[in-house]
Amino acid sequence: MRRPKLVDYSDSEGESMDPFGPVVPPGEQPSPPEPQDENEFAQIVMQLQHEYTKEVGDLERRQEETERELRVWKAQIEDRLQLQVNVMASIIKMSGQLSPFHDAEIRHV
């Protein structure tokens, strides 16, 4: 993308410090040359179709890879969650067995 050219107030005209050169307004930008015949036009269309097909294929591969990664992450999270549930269940079970009030509750009933 080109930057707008800054006004140069130096004594020498034509010696601009802007490395990008002058900016052409959008309406005045030169358009690419039009195809000379139907064969050249067909080649351009085929090239664009090829580029489009390649981009779509790349996007589909990236999407499939992302979906695969999400499935792996989901499985890992579910495994960790199940492990935590098992640990909590074991802690609750053991805490009930080790409670000093447990014996008193049983005798009181």
N, C-alpha and C. Protein backbone atom coordinates (compact mmCIF):
# COMPACT_ATOMS: atom_id res chain seq x y z
N MET A 1 0.85 -1.17 0.00
CA MET A 1 0.00 0.00 0.00
C MET A 1 0.89 1.22 0.00
N ARG A 2 0.57 2.17 -0.79
CA ARG A 2 1.39 3.37 -0.91
C ARG A 2 0.93 4.43 0.07
N ARG A 3 1.92 5.18 0.55
CA ARG A 3 1.61 6.28 1.47
C ARG A 3 1.41 7.54 0.66
N PRO A 4 0.62 8.46 1.18
CA PRO A 4 0.49 9.74 0.49
C PRO A 4 1.82 10.47 0.52
N LYS A 5 2.13 11.13 -0.57
CA LYS A 5 3.40 11.84 -0.67
C LYS A 5 3.33 13.12 0.14
N LEU A 6 4.35 13.32 0.96
CA LEU A 6 4.43 14.53 1.75
C LEU A 6 4.95 15.67 0.88
N VAL A 7 4.53 16.86 1.19
CA VAL A 7 4.98 18.02 0.43
C VAL A 7 6.42 18.31 0.81
N ASP A 8 7.25 18.47 -0.20
CA ASP A 8 8.68 18.73 0.02
C ASP A 8 8.93 20.21 -0.22
N TYR A 9 9.37 20.91 0.80
CA TYR A 9 9.62 22.34 0.69
C TYR A 9 11.09 22.65 0.46
N SER A 10 11.85 21.69 -0.01
CA SER A 10 13.27 21.94 -0.25
C SER A 10 13.43 22.80 -1.51
N ASP A 11 14.64 23.31 -1.70
CA ASP A 11 14.93 24.16 -2.86
C ASP A 11 14.93 23.38 -4.16
N SER A 12 15.28 22.14 -4.08
CA SER A 12 15.40 21.37 -5.32
C SER A 12 14.13 20.58 -5.56
N GLU A 13 13.51 20.84 -6.70
CA GLU A 13 12.32 20.08 -7.06
C GLU A 13 12.75 18.76 -7.67
N GLY A 14 11.95 17.76 -7.47
CA GLY A 14 12.26 16.46 -8.05
C GLY A 14 13.10 15.59 -7.13
N GLU A 15 13.63 16.13 -6.06
CA GLU A 15 14.41 15.34 -5.13
C GLU A 15 13.53 15.03 -3.91
N SER A 16 12.70 14.09 -4.05
CA SER A 16 11.77 13.73 -2.97
C SER A 16 12.43 12.69 -2.08
N MET A 17 12.13 12.76 -0.81
CA MET A 17 12.66 11.79 0.14
C MET A 17 11.70 10.60 0.31
N ASP A 18 10.59 10.60 -0.38
CA ASP A 18 9.60 9.54 -0.25
C ASP A 18 10.05 8.32 -1.06
N PRO A 19 10.38 7.20 -0.39
CA PRO A 19 10.86 6.03 -1.13
C PRO A 19 9.75 5.30 -1.89
N PHE A 20 8.49 5.58 -1.57
CA PHE A 20 7.39 4.87 -2.21
C PHE A 20 6.90 5.54 -3.48
N GLY A 21 7.35 6.70 -3.75
CA GLY A 21 6.92 7.41 -4.95
C GLY A 21 5.57 8.05 -4.76
N PRO A 22 5.06 8.69 -5.80
CA PRO A 22 3.78 9.39 -5.69
C PRO A 22 2.62 8.40 -5.59
N VAL A 23 1.60 8.85 -4.92
CA VAL A 23 0.39 8.04 -4.77
C VAL A 23 -0.59 8.46 -5.85
N VAL A 24 -1.12 7.46 -6.55
CA VAL A 24 -2.09 7.73 -7.61
C VAL A 24 -3.48 7.58 -7.00
N PRO A 25 -4.35 8.58 -7.16
CA PRO A 25 -5.71 8.45 -6.63
C PRO A 25 -6.40 7.23 -7.23
N PRO A 26 -7.33 6.62 -6.49
CA PRO A 26 -7.97 5.38 -6.96
C PRO A 26 -8.61 5.48 -8.33
N GLY A 27 -9.22 6.60 -8.65
CA GLY A 27 -9.87 6.74 -9.95
C GLY A 27 -8.88 6.85 -11.10
N GLU A 28 -7.63 7.20 -10.80
CA GLU A 28 -6.64 7.41 -11.85
C GLU A 28 -5.63 6.27 -11.96
N GLN A 29 -5.82 5.20 -11.21
CA GLN A 29 -4.88 4.09 -11.28
C GLN A 29 -5.02 3.39 -12.62
N PRO A 30 -3.89 3.03 -13.20
CA PRO A 30 -3.95 2.33 -14.49
C PRO A 30 -4.53 0.93 -14.30
N SER A 31 -5.41 0.55 -15.19
CA SER A 31 -5.99 -0.79 -15.11
C SER A 31 -5.12 -1.74 -15.92
N PRO A 32 -5.16 -3.03 -15.58
CA PRO A 32 -4.36 -3.98 -16.35
C PRO A 32 -4.85 -4.03 -17.79
N PRO A 33 -3.97 -4.38 -18.70
CA PRO A 33 -4.39 -4.43 -20.10
C PRO A 33 -5.47 -5.49 -20.31
N GLU A 34 -6.41 -5.17 -21.15
CA GLU A 34 -7.49 -6.11 -21.42
C GLU A 34 -6.99 -7.21 -22.34
N PRO A 35 -7.59 -8.41 -22.22
CA PRO A 35 -7.16 -9.51 -23.09
C PRO A 35 -7.40 -9.17 -24.56
N GLN A 36 -6.49 -9.61 -25.39
CA GLN A 36 -6.57 -9.30 -26.82
C GLN A 36 -7.56 -10.19 -27.57
N ASP A 37 -7.71 -11.44 -27.12
CA ASP A 37 -8.64 -12.33 -27.81
C ASP A 37 -9.29 -13.28 -26.79
N GLU A 38 -10.18 -14.12 -27.29
CA GLU A 38 -10.91 -15.03 -26.41
C GLU A 38 -9.99 -16.05 -25.76
N ASN A 39 -8.95 -16.46 -26.46
CA ASN A 39 -8.02 -17.45 -25.92
C ASN A 39 -7.29 -16.88 -24.70
N GLU A 40 -6.84 -15.65 -24.80
CA GLU A 40 -6.15 -15.00 -23.69
C GLU A 40 -7.11 -14.81 -22.51
N PHE A 41 -8.34 -14.44 -22.82
CA PHE A 41 -9.36 -14.28 -21.78
C PHE A 41 -9.62 -15.62 -21.09
N ALA A 42 -9.71 -16.70 -21.88
CA ALA A 42 -9.95 -18.03 -21.32
C ALA A 42 -8.79 -18.45 -20.42
N GLN A 43 -7.56 -18.12 -20.80
CA GLN A 43 -6.40 -18.45 -19.97
C GLN A 43 -6.47 -17.71 -18.63
N ILE A 44 -6.87 -16.46 -18.67
CA ILE A 44 -7.00 -15.69 -17.43
C ILE A 44 -8.07 -16.30 -16.53
N VAL A 45 -9.20 -16.67 -17.12
CA VAL A 45 -10.28 -17.27 -16.35
C VAL A 45 -9.83 -18.60 -15.75
N MET A 46 -9.13 -19.42 -16.53
CA MET A 46 -8.65 -20.71 -16.03
C MET A 46 -7.64 -20.51 -14.89
N GLN A 47 -6.78 -19.52 -15.02
CA GLN A 47 -5.81 -19.24 -13.96
C GLN A 47 -6.52 -18.81 -12.68
N LEU A 48 -7.52 -17.94 -12.82
CA LEU A 48 -8.28 -17.50 -11.64
C LEU A 48 -9.04 -18.67 -11.00
N GLN A 49 -9.61 -19.55 -11.84
CA GLN A 49 -10.30 -20.72 -11.31
C GLN A 49 -9.33 -21.62 -10.56
N HIS A 50 -8.13 -21.80 -11.11
CA HIS A 50 -7.12 -22.62 -10.46
C HIS A 50 -6.72 -22.03 -9.11
N GLU A 51 -6.50 -20.72 -9.06
CA GLU A 51 -6.14 -20.06 -7.81
C GLU A 51 -7.27 -20.18 -6.79
N TYR A 52 -8.50 -20.00 -7.25
CA TYR A 52 -9.66 -20.10 -6.36
C TYR A 52 -9.78 -21.52 -5.81
N THR A 53 -9.64 -22.52 -6.68
CA THR A 53 -9.73 -23.91 -6.25
C THR A 53 -8.65 -24.24 -5.24
N LYS A 54 -7.45 -23.73 -5.47
CA LYS A 54 -6.33 -23.96 -4.54
C LYS A 54 -6.63 -23.32 -3.19
N GLU A 55 -7.12 -22.09 -3.19
CA GLU A 55 -7.45 -21.41 -1.93
C GLU A 55 -8.55 -22.13 -1.17
N VAL A 56 -9.57 -22.60 -1.89
CA VAL A 56 -10.66 -23.33 -1.24
C VAL A 56 -10.13 -24.62 -0.63
N GLY A 57 -9.27 -25.32 -1.36
CA GLY A 57 -8.67 -26.55 -0.84
C GLY A 57 -7.84 -26.29 0.41
N ASP A 58 -7.05 -25.21 0.38
CA ASP A 58 -6.25 -24.84 1.55
C ASP A 58 -7.14 -24.54 2.75
N LEU A 59 -8.21 -23.79 2.51
CA LEU A 59 -9.14 -23.46 3.60
C LEU A 59 -9.81 -24.71 4.16
N GLU A 60 -10.20 -25.63 3.29
CA GLU A 60 -10.84 -26.87 3.75
C GLU A 60 -9.87 -27.70 4.57
N ARG A 61 -8.60 -27.79 4.13
CA ARG A 61 -7.60 -28.54 4.89
C ARG A 61 -7.36 -27.91 6.25
N ARG A 62 -7.27 -26.58 6.30
CA ARG A 62 -7.08 -25.90 7.58
C ARG A 62 -8.28 -26.11 8.50
N GLN A 63 -9.48 -26.07 7.93
CA GLN A 63 -10.68 -26.28 8.74
C GLN A 63 -10.72 -27.70 9.29
N GLU A 64 -10.38 -28.70 8.45
CA GLU A 64 -10.36 -30.08 8.91
C GLU A 64 -9.32 -30.27 10.01
N GLU A 65 -8.16 -29.65 9.85
CA GLU A 65 -7.11 -29.74 10.86
C GLU A 65 -7.57 -29.10 12.18
N THR A 66 -8.23 -27.95 12.08
CA THR A 66 -8.74 -27.29 13.28
C THR A 66 -9.79 -28.14 13.97
N GLU A 67 -10.69 -28.74 13.20
CA GLU A 67 -11.72 -29.61 13.78
C GLU A 67 -11.08 -30.82 14.46
N ARG A 68 -10.04 -31.38 13.84
CA ARG A 68 -9.33 -32.51 14.43
C ARG A 68 -8.69 -32.10 15.76
N GLU A 69 -8.04 -30.94 15.78
CA GLU A 69 -7.42 -30.44 17.01
C GLU A 69 -8.47 -30.21 18.10
N LEU A 70 -9.62 -29.66 17.71
CA LEU A 70 -10.69 -29.42 18.69
C LEU A 70 -11.20 -30.73 19.29
N ARG A 71 -11.32 -31.78 18.45
CA ARG A 71 -11.77 -33.07 18.96
C ARG A 71 -10.76 -33.63 19.97
N VAL A 72 -9.47 -33.49 19.66
CA VAL A 72 -8.42 -33.97 20.58
C VAL A 72 -8.48 -33.19 21.88
N TRP A 73 -8.58 -31.86 21.80
CA TRP A 73 -8.64 -31.03 23.01
C TRP A 73 -9.88 -31.36 23.83
N LYS A 74 -11.00 -31.57 23.16
CA LYS A 74 -12.24 -31.90 23.87
C LYS A 74 -12.08 -33.22 24.61
N ALA A 75 -11.49 -34.21 23.96
CA ALA A 75 -11.29 -35.51 24.60
C ALA A 75 -10.36 -35.36 25.81
N GLN A 76 -9.31 -34.57 25.67
CA GLN A 76 -8.38 -34.36 26.79
C GLN A 76 -9.09 -33.68 27.96
N ILE A 77 -9.88 -32.67 27.67
CA ILE A 77 -10.60 -31.96 28.73
C ILE A 77 -11.61 -32.88 29.41
N GLU A 78 -12.33 -33.68 28.61
CA GLU A 78 -13.29 -34.61 29.19
C GLU A 78 -12.60 -35.65 30.06
N ASP A 79 -11.42 -36.13 29.63
CA ASP A 79 -10.66 -37.09 30.44
C ASP A 79 -10.23 -36.46 31.76
N ARG A 80 -9.74 -35.23 31.71
CA ARG A 80 -9.32 -34.55 32.94
C ARG A 80 -10.51 -34.31 33.86
N LEU A 81 -11.62 -33.93 33.28
CA LEU A 81 -12.83 -33.70 34.08
C LEU A 81 -13.28 -34.99 34.75
N GLN A 82 -13.27 -36.08 34.01
CA GLN A 82 -13.66 -37.37 34.59
C GLN A 82 -12.70 -37.78 35.70
N LEU A 83 -11.42 -37.52 35.51
CA LEU A 83 -10.44 -37.81 36.56
C LEU A 83 -10.74 -37.00 37.81
N GLN A 84 -11.06 -35.73 37.64
CA GLN A 84 -11.39 -34.88 38.79
C GLN A 84 -12.66 -35.36 39.48
N VAL A 85 -13.65 -35.78 38.71
CA VAL A 85 -14.89 -36.31 39.29
C VAL A 85 -14.58 -37.57 40.10
N ASN A 86 -13.74 -38.44 39.56
CA ASN A 86 -13.38 -39.67 40.27
C ASN A 86 -12.63 -39.36 41.57
N VAL A 87 -11.72 -38.40 41.51
CA VAL A 87 -10.97 -38.01 42.71
C VAL A 87 -11.91 -37.43 43.75
N MET A 88 -12.80 -36.54 43.33
CA MET A 88 -13.75 -35.93 44.27
C MET A 88 -14.66 -37.00 44.89
N ALA A 89 -15.11 -37.95 44.10
CA ALA A 89 -15.96 -39.02 44.62
C ALA A 89 -15.19 -39.86 45.64
N SER A 90 -13.94 -40.13 45.36
CA SER A 90 -13.12 -40.89 46.31
C SER A 90 -12.90 -40.11 47.60
N ILE A 91 -12.65 -38.82 47.48
CA ILE A 91 -12.44 -37.98 48.67
C ILE A 91 -13.70 -37.94 49.52
N ILE A 92 -14.85 -37.78 48.89
CA ILE A 92 -16.11 -37.74 49.63
C ILE A 92 -16.36 -39.08 50.31
N LYS A 93 -16.10 -40.16 49.60
CA LYS A 93 -16.30 -41.49 50.17
C LYS A 93 -15.40 -41.71 51.38
N MET A 94 -14.12 -41.33 51.23
CA MET A 94 -13.17 -41.51 52.32
C MET A 94 -13.47 -40.57 53.48
N SER A 95 -13.89 -39.37 53.21
CA SER A 95 -14.18 -38.42 54.30
C SER A 95 -15.36 -38.90 55.13
N GLY A 96 -16.30 -39.56 54.52
CA GLY A 96 -17.43 -40.12 55.26
C GLY A 96 -17.00 -41.26 56.15
N GLN A 97 -16.03 -42.03 55.70
CA GLN A 97 -15.55 -43.15 56.49
C GLN A 97 -14.65 -42.71 57.63
N LEU A 98 -13.97 -41.58 57.48
CA LEU A 98 -13.01 -41.12 58.48
C LEU A 98 -13.61 -40.11 59.45
N SER A 99 -14.81 -39.71 59.28
CA SER A 99 -15.42 -38.68 60.10
C SER A 99 -15.64 -39.18 61.53
N PRO A 100 -15.22 -38.39 62.55
CA PRO A 100 -15.46 -38.81 63.93
C PRO A 100 -16.95 -38.77 64.27
N PHE A 101 -17.69 -37.99 63.55
CA PHE A 101 -19.13 -37.91 63.79
C PHE A 101 -19.88 -39.08 63.17
N HIS A 102 -19.21 -39.78 62.28
CA HIS A 102 -19.86 -40.87 61.57
C HIS A 102 -20.33 -41.95 62.56
N ASP A 103 -19.44 -42.34 63.49
CA ASP A 103 -19.80 -43.36 64.48
C ASP A 103 -20.90 -42.86 65.41
N ALA A 104 -20.83 -41.59 65.80
CA ALA A 104 -21.84 -41.03 66.70
C ALA A 104 -23.20 -40.98 66.02
N GLU A 105 -23.22 -40.68 64.74
CA GLU A 105 -24.48 -40.63 64.01
C GLU A 105 -25.11 -42.01 63.92
N ILE A 106 -24.28 -42.99 63.75
CA ILE A 106 -24.81 -44.35 63.61
C ILE A 106 -25.41 -44.81 64.96
N ARG A 107 -24.72 -44.51 66.08
CA ARG A 107 -25.22 -44.92 67.40
C ARG A 107 -26.48 -44.15 67.78
N HIS A 108 -26.56 -42.92 67.33
CA HIS A 108 -27.68 -42.07 67.70
C HIS A 108 -28.98 -42.51 67.03
N VAL A 109 -28.87 -43.14 65.90
CA VAL A 109 -30.05 -43.54 65.14
C VAL A 109 -30.67 -44.71 65.74
